[in-house]
Amino acid sequence: PSGVMDLKTMAISRLMLDNFPHIKAYWVMLGLKTAQVALSFG
């Protein structure tokens, strides 16, 4: 997946899963930089 898809999937997951306390950006699979940006995408 592209970086755009990674961030978009993260954000949509946060929006759809309204009853989940936490959403994790697993840096091992995303890469450190994308995981860092994901902290502003849900």
PDB file of all heavy atoms in Angstrom:
ATOM      1  N   PRO A   1       0.816  -1.214   0.000  1.00  0.00           N
ATOM      2  CA  PRO A   1       0.000   0.000   0.000  1.00  0.00           C
ATOM      3  C   PRO A   1       0.851   1.267   0.000  1.00  0.00           C
ATOM      4  O   PRO A   1       1.965   1.291   0.534  1.00  0.00           O
ATOM      5  CB  PRO A   1      -0.807  -0.112   1.294  1.00  0.00           C
ATOM      6  CG  PRO A   1      -0.747  -1.541   1.679  1.00  0.00           C
ATOM      7  CD  PRO A   1       0.534  -2.077   1.147  1.00  0.00           C
ATOM      8  N   SER A   2       0.297   2.321  -0.588  1.00  0.00           N
ATOM      9  CA  SER A   2       0.971   3.618  -0.612  1.00  0.00           C
ATOM     10  C   SER A   2       0.804   4.324   0.730  1.00  0.00           C
ATOM     11  O   SER A   2      -0.037   3.944   1.560  1.00  0.00           O
ATOM     12  CB  SER A   2       0.372   4.493  -1.707  1.00  0.00           C
ATOM     13  OG  SER A   2      -0.980   4.832  -1.386  1.00  0.00           O
ATOM     14  N   GLY A   3       1.583   5.383   0.925  1.00  0.00           N
ATOM     15  CA  GLY A   3       1.448   6.186   2.127  1.00  0.00           C
ATOM     16  C   GLY A   3       0.073   6.810   2.243  1.00  0.00           C
ATOM     17  O   GLY A   3      -0.487   6.924   3.346  1.00  0.00           O
ATOM     18  N   VAL A   4      -0.502   7.200   1.116  1.00  0.00           N
ATOM     19  CA  VAL A   4      -1.847   7.777   1.132  1.00  0.00           C
ATOM     20  C   VAL A   4      -2.856   6.750   1.625  1.00  0.00           C
ATOM     21  O   VAL A   4      -3.723   7.051   2.462  1.00  0.00           O
ATOM     22  CB  VAL A   4      -2.229   8.306  -0.270  1.00  0.00           C
ATOM     23  CG1 VAL A   4      -3.717   8.654  -0.329  1.00  0.00           C
ATOM     24  CG2 VAL A   4      -1.396   9.531  -0.626  1.00  0.00           C
ATOM     25  N   MET A   5      -2.757   5.522   1.118  1.00  0.00           N
ATOM     26  CA  MET A   5      -3.687   4.485   1.565  1.00  0.00           C
ATOM     27  C   MET A   5      -3.505   4.182   3.047  1.00  0.00           C
ATOM     28  O   MET A   5      -4.488   3.953   3.776  1.00  0.00           O
ATOM     29  CB  MET A   5      -3.515   3.210   0.745  1.00  0.00           C
ATOM     30  CG  MET A   5      -4.568   2.159   1.091  1.00  0.00           C
ATOM     31  SD  MET A   5      -4.466   0.675   0.061  1.00  0.00           S
ATOM     32  CE  MET A   5      -6.034  -0.102   0.477  1.00  0.00           C
ATOM     33  N   ASP A   6      -2.255   4.158   3.505  1.00  0.00           N
ATOM     34  CA  ASP A   6      -2.001   3.911   4.927  1.00  0.00           C
ATOM     35  C   ASP A   6      -2.708   4.944   5.791  1.00  0.00           C
ATOM     36  O   ASP A   6      -3.405   4.598   6.754  1.00  0.00           O
ATOM     37  CB  ASP A   6      -0.498   3.961   5.210  1.00  0.00           C
ATOM     38  CG  ASP A   6       0.265   2.790   4.622  1.00  0.00           C
ATOM     39  OD1 ASP A   6      -0.335   1.725   4.411  1.00  0.00           O
ATOM     40  OD2 ASP A   6       1.475   2.946   4.379  1.00  0.00           O
ATOM     41  N   LEU A   7      -2.539   6.210   5.471  1.00  0.00           N
ATOM     42  CA  LEU A   7      -3.129   7.271   6.284  1.00  0.00           C
ATOM     43  C   LEU A   7      -4.647   7.311   6.150  1.00  0.00           C
ATOM     44  O   LEU A   7      -5.364   7.550   7.126  1.00  0.00           O
ATOM     45  CB  LEU A   7      -2.520   8.621   5.901  1.00  0.00           C
ATOM     46  CG  LEU A   7      -1.028   8.772   6.209  1.00  0.00           C
ATOM     47  CD1 LEU A   7      -0.499  10.086   5.648  1.00  0.00           C
ATOM     48  CD2 LEU A   7      -0.774   8.700   7.721  1.00  0.00           C
ATOM     49  N   LYS A   8      -5.138   7.073   4.960  1.00  0.00           N
ATOM     50  CA  LYS A   8      -6.577   7.080   4.742  1.00  0.00           C
ATOM     51  C   LYS A   8      -7.244   5.933   5.498  1.00  0.00           C
ATOM     52  O   LYS A   8      -8.302   6.111   6.132  1.00  0.00           O
ATOM     53  CB  LYS A   8      -6.858   6.968   3.239  1.00  0.00           C
ATOM     54  CG  LYS A   8      -8.305   7.221   2.849  1.00  0.00           C
ATOM     55  CD  LYS A   8      -8.416   7.213   1.323  1.00  0.00           C
ATOM     56  CE  LYS A   8      -9.827   7.480   0.853  1.00  0.00           C
ATOM     57  NZ  LYS A   8      -9.921   7.445  -0.628  1.00  0.00           N
ATOM     58  N   THR A   9      -6.635   4.746   5.459  1.00  0.00           N
ATOM     59  CA  THR A   9      -7.188   3.600   6.178  1.00  0.00           C
ATOM     60  C   THR A   9      -7.172   3.857   7.675  1.00  0.00           C
ATOM     61  O   THR A   9      -8.125   3.504   8.391  1.00  0.00           O
ATOM     62  CB  THR A   9      -6.404   2.324   5.831  1.00  0.00           C
ATOM     63  OG1 THR A   9      -6.437   2.122   4.420  1.00  0.00           O
ATOM     64  CG2 THR A   9      -6.992   1.110   6.537  1.00  0.00           C
ATOM     65  N   MET A  10      -6.095   4.454   8.161  1.00  0.00           N
ATOM     66  CA  MET A  10      -6.014   4.791   9.581  1.00  0.00           C
ATOM     67  C   MET A  10      -7.152   5.726   9.967  1.00  0.00           C
ATOM     68  O   MET A  10      -7.869   5.509  10.965  1.00  0.00           O
ATOM     69  CB  MET A  10      -4.669   5.469   9.865  1.00  0.00           C
ATOM     70  CG  MET A  10      -4.351   5.678  11.330  1.00  0.00           C
ATOM     71  SD  MET A  10      -3.916   4.143  12.182  1.00  0.00           S
ATOM     72  CE  MET A  10      -2.477   3.611  11.248  1.00  0.00           C
ATOM     73  N   ALA A  11      -7.351   6.774   9.175  1.00  0.00           N
ATOM     74  CA  ALA A  11      -8.363   7.774   9.489  1.00  0.00           C
ATOM     75  C   ALA A  11      -9.774   7.199   9.418  1.00  0.00           C
ATOM     76  O   ALA A  11     -10.608   7.449  10.303  1.00  0.00           O
ATOM     77  CB  ALA A  11      -8.223   8.961   8.536  1.00  0.00           C
ATOM     78  N   ILE A  12     -10.059   6.437   8.375  1.00  0.00           N
ATOM     79  CA  ILE A  12     -11.396   5.851   8.241  1.00  0.00           C
ATOM     80  C   ILE A  12     -11.665   4.867   9.378  1.00  0.00           C
ATOM     81  O   ILE A  12     -12.785   4.788   9.904  1.00  0.00           O
ATOM     82  CB  ILE A  12     -11.556   5.177   6.862  1.00  0.00           C
ATOM     83  CG1 ILE A  12     -11.544   6.254   5.760  1.00  0.00           C
ATOM     84  CG2 ILE A  12     -12.838   4.355   6.795  1.00  0.00           C
ATOM     85  CD1 ILE A  12     -11.536   5.695   4.351  1.00  0.00           C
ATOM     86  N   SER A  13     -10.645   4.143   9.789  1.00  0.00           N
ATOM     87  CA  SER A  13     -10.805   3.218  10.912  1.00  0.00           C
ATOM     88  C   SER A  13     -11.207   3.971  12.175  1.00  0.00           C
ATOM     89  O   SER A  13     -12.096   3.543  12.916  1.00  0.00           O
ATOM     90  CB  SER A  13      -9.499   2.451  11.153  1.00  0.00           C
ATOM     91  OG  SER A  13      -9.138   1.689  10.028  1.00  0.00           O
ATOM     92  N   ARG A  14     -10.541   5.101  12.425  1.00  0.00           N
ATOM     93  CA  ARG A  14     -10.878   5.898  13.606  1.00  0.00           C
ATOM     94  C   ARG A  14     -12.320   6.418  13.528  1.00  0.00           C
ATOM     95  O   ARG A  14     -13.046   6.446  14.535  1.00  0.00           O
ATOM     96  CB  ARG A  14      -9.906   7.063  13.746  1.00  0.00           C
ATOM     97  CG  ARG A  14     -10.162   8.036  14.897  1.00  0.00           C
ATOM     98  CD  ARG A  14      -9.984   7.431  16.281  1.00  0.00           C
ATOM     99  NE  ARG A  14     -11.097   6.551  16.678  1.00  0.00           N
ATOM    100  CZ  ARG A  14     -11.121   5.796  17.771  1.00  0.00           C
ATOM    101  NH1 ARG A  14     -10.084   5.818  18.595  1.00  0.00           N
ATOM    102  NH2 ARG A  14     -12.145   5.026  18.047  1.00  0.00           N
ATOM    103  N   LEU A  15     -12.747   6.809  12.337  1.00  0.00           N
ATOM    104  CA  LEU A  15     -14.094   7.365  12.170  1.00  0.00           C
ATOM    105  C   LEU A  15     -15.178   6.296  12.282  1.00  0.00           C
ATOM    106  O   LEU A  15     -16.244   6.536  12.856  1.00  0.00           O
ATOM    107  CB  LEU A  15     -14.192   8.070  10.825  1.00  0.00           C
ATOM    108  CG  LEU A  15     -13.382   9.370  10.716  1.00  0.00           C
ATOM    109  CD1 LEU A  15     -13.270   9.819   9.269  1.00  0.00           C
ATOM    110  CD2 LEU A  15     -14.011  10.463  11.576  1.00  0.00           C
ATOM    111  N   MET A  16     -14.928   5.118  11.757  1.00  0.00           N
ATOM    112  CA  MET A  16     -15.941   4.061  11.783  1.00  0.00           C
ATOM    113  C   MET A  16     -16.014   3.365  13.145  1.00  0.00           C
ATOM    114  O   MET A  16     -17.091   2.991  13.596  1.00  0.00           O
ATOM    115  CB  MET A  16     -15.661   3.029  10.695  1.00  0.00           C
ATOM    116  CG  MET A  16     -15.785   3.547   9.272  1.00  0.00           C
ATOM    117  SD  MET A  16     -17.446   4.145   8.845  1.00  0.00           S
ATOM    118  CE  MET A  16     -18.408   2.633   8.965  1.00  0.00           C
ATOM    119  N   LEU A  17     -14.876   3.194  13.794  1.00  0.00           N
ATOM    120  CA  LEU A  17     -14.834   2.453  15.061  1.00  0.00           C
ATOM    121  C   LEU A  17     -15.025   3.406  16.234  1.00  0.00           C
ATOM    122  O   LEU A  17     -14.127   3.600  17.068  1.00  0.00           O
ATOM    123  CB  LEU A  17     -13.518   1.685  15.178  1.00  0.00           C
ATOM    124  CG  LEU A  17     -13.298   0.585  14.132  1.00  0.00           C
ATOM    125  CD1 LEU A  17     -11.924  -0.035  14.284  1.00  0.00           C
ATOM    126  CD2 LEU A  17     -14.384  -0.487  14.229  1.00  0.00           C
ATOM    127  N   ASP A  18     -16.206   3.987  16.313  1.00  0.00           N
ATOM    128  CA  ASP A  18     -16.466   5.006  17.329  1.00  0.00           C
ATOM    129  C   ASP A  18     -16.457   4.452  18.745  1.00  0.00           C
ATOM    130  O   ASP A  18     -16.327   5.207  19.715  1.00  0.00           O
ATOM    131  CB  ASP A  18     -17.811   5.686  17.054  1.00  0.00           C
ATOM    132  CG  ASP A  18     -18.957   4.692  16.886  1.00  0.00           C
ATOM    133  OD1 ASP A  18     -19.159   3.862  17.783  1.00  0.00           O
ATOM    134  OD2 ASP A  18     -19.640   4.743  15.845  1.00  0.00           O
ATOM    135  N   ASN A  19     -16.569   3.127  18.896  1.00  0.00           N
ATOM    136  CA  ASN A  19     -16.597   2.530  20.233  1.00  0.00           C
ATOM    137  C   ASN A  19     -15.276   1.869  20.623  1.00  0.00           C
ATOM    138  O   ASN A  19     -15.210   1.181  21.650  1.00  0.00           O
ATOM    139  CB  ASN A  19     -17.756   1.532  20.344  1.00  0.00           C
ATOM    140  CG  ASN A  19     -17.741   0.485  19.235  1.00  0.00           C
ATOM    141  OD1 ASN A  19     -16.804   0.428  18.437  1.00  0.00           O
ATOM    142  ND2 ASN A  19     -18.783  -0.343  19.174  1.00  0.00           N
ATOM    143  N   PHE A  20     -14.233   2.036  19.831  1.00  0.00           N
ATOM    144  CA  PHE A  20     -12.901   1.545  20.184  1.00  0.00           C
ATOM    145  C   PHE A  20     -12.120   2.664  20.875  1.00  0.00           C
ATOM    146  O   PHE A  20     -12.017   3.759  20.330  1.00  0.00           O
ATOM    147  CB  PHE A  20     -12.134   1.102  18.933  1.00  0.00           C
ATOM    148  CG  PHE A  20     -12.354  -0.341  18.552  1.00  0.00           C
ATOM    149  CD1 PHE A  20     -13.616  -0.800  18.211  1.00  0.00           C
ATOM    150  CD2 PHE A  20     -11.301  -1.234  18.534  1.00  0.00           C
ATOM    151  CE1 PHE A  20     -13.830  -2.123  17.855  1.00  0.00           C
ATOM    152  CE2 PHE A  20     -11.488  -2.558  18.179  1.00  0.00           C
ATOM    153  CZ  PHE A  20     -12.759  -3.013  17.834  1.00  0.00           C
ATOM    154  N   PRO A  21     -11.558   2.402  22.051  1.00  0.00           N
ATOM    155  CA  PRO A  21     -10.815   3.458  22.745  1.00  0.00           C
ATOM    156  C   PRO A  21      -9.574   3.933  21.994  1.00  0.00           C
ATOM    157  O   PRO A  21      -9.247   5.118  22.032  1.00  0.00           O
ATOM    158  CB  PRO A  21     -10.419   2.808  24.077  1.00  0.00           C
ATOM    159  CG  PRO A  21     -11.334   1.650  24.247  1.00  0.00           C
ATOM    160  CD  PRO A  21     -11.664   1.173  22.859  1.00  0.00           C
ATOM    161  N   HIS A  22      -8.876   3.007  21.316  1.00  0.00           N
ATOM    162  CA  HIS A  22      -7.573   3.350  20.754  1.00  0.00           C
ATOM    163  C   HIS A  22      -7.408   2.801  19.328  1.00  0.00           C
ATOM    164  O   HIS A  22      -7.940   1.748  18.990  1.00  0.00           O
ATOM    165  CB  HIS A  22      -6.446   2.788  21.636  1.00  0.00           C
ATOM    166  CG  HIS A  22      -6.523   3.236  23.056  1.00  0.00           C
ATOM    167  ND1 HIS A  22      -6.151   4.496  23.454  1.00  0.00           N
ATOM    168  CD2 HIS A  22      -6.975   2.593  24.176  1.00  0.00           C
ATOM    169  CE1 HIS A  22      -6.347   4.617  24.755  1.00  0.00           C
ATOM    170  NE2 HIS A  22      -6.844   3.487  25.212  1.00  0.00           N
ATOM    171  N   ILE A  23      -6.630   3.541  18.544  1.00  0.00           N
ATOM    172  CA  ILE A  23      -6.215   3.114  17.201  1.00  0.00           C
ATOM    173  C   ILE A  23      -4.691   3.167  17.166  1.00  0.00           C
ATOM    174  O   ILE A  23      -4.085   4.198  17.508  1.00  0.00           O
ATOM    175  CB  ILE A  23      -6.791   4.028  16.097  1.00  0.00           C
ATOM    176  CG1 ILE A  23      -8.318   4.085  16.172  1.00  0.00           C
ATOM    177  CG2 ILE A  23      -6.329   3.544  14.722  1.00  0.00           C
ATOM    178  CD1 ILE A  23      -9.038   2.823  15.795  1.00  0.00           C
ATOM    179  N   LYS A  24      -4.077   2.074  16.744  1.00  0.00           N
ATOM    180  CA  LYS A  24      -2.612   1.982  16.786  1.00  0.00           C
ATOM    181  C   LYS A  24      -1.995   2.109  15.397  1.00  0.00           C
ATOM    182  O   LYS A  24      -2.441   1.473  14.445  1.00  0.00           O
ATOM    183  CB  LYS A  24      -2.199   0.645  17.399  1.00  0.00           C
ATOM    184  CG  LYS A  24      -0.694   0.456  17.553  1.00  0.00           C
ATOM    185  CD  LYS A  24      -0.354  -0.925  18.069  1.00  0.00           C
ATOM    186  CE  LYS A  24      -0.815  -1.131  19.484  1.00  0.00           C
ATOM    187  NZ  LYS A  24      -0.362  -2.447  20.023  1.00  0.00           N
ATOM    188  N   ALA A  25      -0.950   2.919  15.317  1.00  0.00           N
ATOM    189  CA  ALA A  25      -0.114   3.008  14.118  1.00  0.00           C
ATOM    190  C   ALA A  25       1.102   2.114  14.348  1.00  0.00           C
ATOM    191  O   ALA A  25       2.067   2.529  15.006  1.00  0.00           O
ATOM    192  CB  ALA A  25       0.308   4.453  13.868  1.00  0.00           C
ATOM    193  N   TYR A  26       1.042   0.892  13.836  1.00  0.00           N
ATOM    194  CA  TYR A  26       2.087  -0.099  14.086  1.00  0.00           C
ATOM    195  C   TYR A  26       3.297   0.229  13.223  1.00  0.00           C
ATOM    196  O   TYR A  26       3.349  -0.097  12.037  1.00  0.00           O
ATOM    197  CB  TYR A  26       1.529  -1.484  13.783  1.00  0.00           C
ATOM    198  CG  TYR A  26       2.441  -2.640  14.126  1.00  0.00           C
ATOM    199  CD1 TYR A  26       3.251  -2.610  15.252  1.00  0.00           C
ATOM    200  CD2 TYR A  26       2.470  -3.780  13.330  1.00  0.00           C
ATOM    201  CE1 TYR A  26       4.064  -3.671  15.579  1.00  0.00           C
ATOM    202  CE2 TYR A  26       3.281  -4.854  13.640  1.00  0.00           C
ATOM    203  CZ  TYR A  26       4.081  -4.793  14.765  1.00  0.00           C
ATOM    204  OH  TYR A  26       4.903  -5.853  15.086  1.00  0.00           O
ATOM    205  N   TRP A  27       4.301   0.834  13.838  1.00  0.00           N
ATOM    206  CA  TRP A  27       5.428   1.370  13.069  1.00  0.00           C
ATOM    207  C   TRP A  27       6.209   0.295  12.321  1.00  0.00           C
ATOM    208  O   TRP A  27       6.825   0.589  11.289  1.00  0.00           O
ATOM    209  CB  TRP A  27       6.359   2.180  13.976  1.00  0.00           C
ATOM    210  CG  TRP A  27       7.061   1.419  15.066  1.00  0.00           C
ATOM    211  CD1 TRP A  27       6.693   1.337  16.376  1.00  0.00           C
ATOM    212  CD2 TRP A  27       8.266   0.655  14.940  1.00  0.00           C
ATOM    213  NE1 TRP A  27       7.574   0.560  17.082  1.00  0.00           N
ATOM    214  CE2 TRP A  27       8.562   0.130  16.230  1.00  0.00           C
ATOM    215  CE3 TRP A  27       9.127   0.355  13.894  1.00  0.00           C
ATOM    216  CZ2 TRP A  27       9.674  -0.672  16.485  1.00  0.00           C
ATOM    217  CZ3 TRP A  27      10.248  -0.453  14.137  1.00  0.00           C
ATOM    218  CH2 TRP A  27      10.510  -0.946  15.418  1.00  0.00           C
ATOM    219  N   VAL A  28       6.183  -0.943  12.803  1.00  0.00           N
ATOM    220  CA  VAL A  28       6.922  -2.016  12.135  1.00  0.00           C
ATOM    221  C   VAL A  28       6.449  -2.181  10.694  1.00  0.00           C
ATOM    222  O   VAL A  28       7.251  -2.398   9.777  1.00  0.00           O
ATOM    223  CB  VAL A  28       6.773  -3.336  12.912  1.00  0.00           C
ATOM    224  CG1 VAL A  28       7.319  -4.507  12.108  1.00  0.00           C
ATOM    225  CG2 VAL A  28       7.479  -3.236  14.255  1.00  0.00           C
ATOM    226  N   MET A  29       5.152  -2.057  10.466  1.00  0.00           N
ATOM    227  CA  MET A  29       4.597  -2.245   9.126  1.00  0.00           C
ATOM    228  C   MET A  29       4.467  -0.943   8.356  1.00  0.00           C
ATOM    229  O   MET A  29       4.606  -0.932   7.129  1.00  0.00           O
ATOM    230  CB  MET A  29       3.235  -2.930   9.216  1.00  0.00           C
ATOM    231  CG  MET A  29       3.310  -4.305   9.831  1.00  0.00           C
ATOM    232  SD  MET A  29       1.775  -5.226   9.676  1.00  0.00           S
ATOM    233  CE  MET A  29       1.834  -5.745   7.973  1.00  0.00           C
ATOM    234  N   LEU A  30       4.187   0.152   9.048  1.00  0.00           N
ATOM    235  CA  LEU A  30       3.983   1.430   8.366  1.00  0.00           C
ATOM    236  C   LEU A  30       5.292   2.143   8.055  1.00  0.00           C
ATOM    237  O   LEU A  30       5.359   2.929   7.108  1.00  0.00           O
ATOM    238  CB  LEU A  30       3.124   2.359   9.238  1.00  0.00           C
ATOM    239  CG  LEU A  30       1.675   1.956   9.469  1.00  0.00           C
ATOM    240  CD1 LEU A  30       1.044   2.896  10.485  1.00  0.00           C
ATOM    241  CD2 LEU A  30       0.897   1.979   8.153  1.00  0.00           C
ATOM    242  N   GLY A  31       6.304   1.878   8.840  1.00  0.00           N
ATOM    243  CA  GLY A  31       7.515   2.684   8.790  1.00  0.00           C
ATOM    244  C   GLY A  31       7.398   3.797   9.822  1.00  0.00           C
ATOM    245  O   GLY A  31       6.303   4.273  10.137  1.00  0.00           O
ATOM    246  N   LEU A  32       8.525   4.227  10.353  1.00  0.00           N
ATOM    247  CA  LEU A  32       8.520   5.211  11.429  1.00  0.00           C
ATOM    248  C   LEU A  32       7.910   6.540  10.998  1.00  0.00           C
ATOM    249  O   LEU A  32       7.155   7.169  11.745  1.00  0.00           O
ATOM    250  CB  LEU A  32       9.942   5.420  11.944  1.00  0.00           C
ATOM    251  CG  LEU A  32      10.552   4.221  12.685  1.00  0.00           C
ATOM    252  CD1 LEU A  32      12.035   4.441  12.919  1.00  0.00           C
ATOM    253  CD2 LEU A  32       9.831   3.982  14.003  1.00  0.00           C
ATOM    254  N   LYS A  33       8.219   6.978   9.782  1.00  0.00           N
ATOM    255  CA  LYS A  33       7.744   8.291   9.345  1.00  0.00           C
ATOM    256  C   LYS A  33       6.236   8.311   9.161  1.00  0.00           C
ATOM    257  O   LYS A  33       5.559   9.256   9.584  1.00  0.00           O
ATOM    258  CB  LYS A  33       8.457   8.699   8.050  1.00  0.00           C
ATOM    259  CG  LYS A  33       9.949   8.938   8.228  1.00  0.00           C
ATOM    260  CD  LYS A  33      10.632   9.287   6.913  1.00  0.00           C
ATOM    261  CE  LYS A  33      12.127   9.496   7.118  1.00  0.00           C
ATOM    262  NZ  LYS A  33      12.823   9.796   5.824  1.00  0.00           N
ATOM    263  N   THR A  34       5.695   7.268   8.508  1.00  0.00           N
ATOM    264  CA  THR A  34       4.245   7.226   8.310  1.00  0.00           C
ATOM    265  C   THR A  34       3.520   7.063   9.637  1.00  0.00           C
ATOM    266  O   THR A  34       2.466   7.674   9.865  1.00  0.00           O
ATOM    267  CB  THR A  34       3.867   6.082   7.351  1.00  0.00           C
ATOM    268  OG1 THR A  34       4.533   6.276   6.099  1.00  0.00           O
ATOM    269  CG2 THR A  34       2.363   6.044   7.110  1.00  0.00           C
ATOM    270  N   ALA A  35       4.082   6.256  10.537  1.00  0.00           N
ATOM    271  CA  ALA A  35       3.466   6.084  11.857  1.00  0.00           C
ATOM    272  C   ALA A  35       3.421   7.401  12.609  1.00  0.00           C
ATOM    273  O   ALA A  35       2.445   7.719  13.301  1.00  0.00           O
ATOM    274  CB  ALA A  35       4.228   5.035  12.657  1.00  0.00           C
ATOM    275  N   GLN A  36       4.466   8.177  12.446  1.00  0.00           N
ATOM    276  CA  GLN A  36       4.527   9.484  13.101  1.00  0.00           C
ATOM    277  C   GLN A  36       3.426  10.409  12.574  1.00  0.00           C
ATOM    278  O   GLN A  36       2.699  11.037  13.339  1.00  0.00           O
ATOM    279  CB  GLN A  36       5.912  10.090  12.856  1.00  0.00           C
ATOM    280  CG  GLN A  36       6.211  11.351  13.641  1.00  0.00           C
ATOM    281  CD  GLN A  36       7.611  11.855  13.338  1.00  0.00           C
ATOM    282  OE1 GLN A  36       8.114  11.712  12.218  1.00  0.00           O
ATOM    283  NE2 GLN A  36       8.247  12.453  14.328  1.00  0.00           N
ATOM    284  N   VAL A  37       3.254  10.454  11.263  1.00  0.00           N
ATOM    285  CA  VAL A  37       2.207  11.289  10.663  1.00  0.00           C
ATOM    286  C   VAL A  37       0.822  10.770  11.050  1.00  0.00           C
ATOM    287  O   VAL A  37      -0.120  11.554  11.241  1.00  0.00           O
ATOM    288  CB  VAL A  37       2.365  11.328   9.132  1.00  0.00           C
ATOM    289  CG1 VAL A  37       1.224  12.119   8.488  1.00  0.00           C
ATOM    290  CG2 VAL A  37       3.702  11.944   8.745  1.00  0.00           C
ATOM    291  N   ALA A  38       0.692   9.452  11.198  1.00  0.00           N
ATOM    292  CA  ALA A  38      -0.603   8.857  11.532  1.00  0.00           C
ATOM    293  C   ALA A  38      -1.143   9.356  12.863  1.00  0.00           C
ATOM    294  O   ALA A  38      -2.352   9.271  13.110  1.00  0.00           O
ATOM    295  CB  ALA A  38      -0.486   7.336  11.555  1.00  0.00           C
ATOM    296  N   LEU A  39      -0.282   9.899  13.712  1.00  0.00           N
ATOM    297  CA  LEU A  39      -0.741  10.456  14.982  1.00  0.00           C
ATOM    298  C   LEU A  39      -1.612  11.685  14.792  1.00  0.00           C
ATOM    299  O   LEU A  39      -2.244  12.152  15.740  1.00  0.00           O
ATOM    300  CB  LEU A  39       0.458  10.784  15.878  1.00  0.00           C
ATOM    301  CG  LEU A  39       1.267   9.579  16.368  1.00  0.00           C
ATOM    302  CD1 LEU A  39       2.487  10.037  17.145  1.00  0.00           C
ATOM    303  CD2 LEU A  39       0.404   8.654  17.229  1.00  0.00           C
ATOM    304  N   SER A  40      -1.673  12.200  13.573  1.00  0.00           N
ATOM    305  CA  SER A  40      -2.602  13.282  13.231  1.00  0.00           C
ATOM    306  C   SER A  40      -3.711  12.800  12.307  1.00  0.00           C
ATOM    307  O   SER A  40      -4.495  13.613  11.800  1.00  0.00           O
ATOM    308  CB  SER A  40      -1.850  14.446  12.567  1.00  0.00           C
ATOM    309  OG  SER A  40      -0.973  15.053  13.490  1.00  0.00           O
ATOM    310  N   PHE A  41      -3.787  11.499  12.068  1.00  0.00           N
ATOM    311  CA  PHE A  41      -4.810  10.905  11.207  1.00  0.00           C
ATOM    312  C   PHE A  41      -5.625   9.846  11.947  1.00  0.00           C
ATOM    313  O   PHE A  41      -6.074   8.885  11.351  1.00  0.00           O
ATOM    314  CB  PHE A  41      -4.164  10.308   9.954  1.00  0.00           C
ATOM    315  CG  PHE A  41      -3.837  11.335   8.895  1.00  0.00           C
ATOM    316  CD1 PHE A  41      -2.739  12.172   9.034  1.00  0.00           C
ATOM    317  CD2 PHE A  41      -4.642  11.489   7.772  1.00  0.00           C
ATOM    318  CE1 PHE A  41      -2.440  13.125   8.071  1.00  0.00           C
ATOM    319  CE2 PHE A  41      -4.344  12.435   6.803  1.00  0.00           C
ATOM    320  CZ  PHE A  41      -3.247  13.263   6.948  1.00  0.00           C
ATOM    321  N   GLY A  42      -5.789  10.039  13.237  1.00  0.00           N
ATOM    322  CA  GLY A  42      -6.655   9.158  14.008  1.00  0.00           C
ATOM    323  C   GLY A  42      -5.953   8.266  15.003  1.00  0.00           C
ATOM    324  O   GLY A  42      -6.577   7.779  15.946  1.00  0.00           O
TER     325      GLY A  42
END
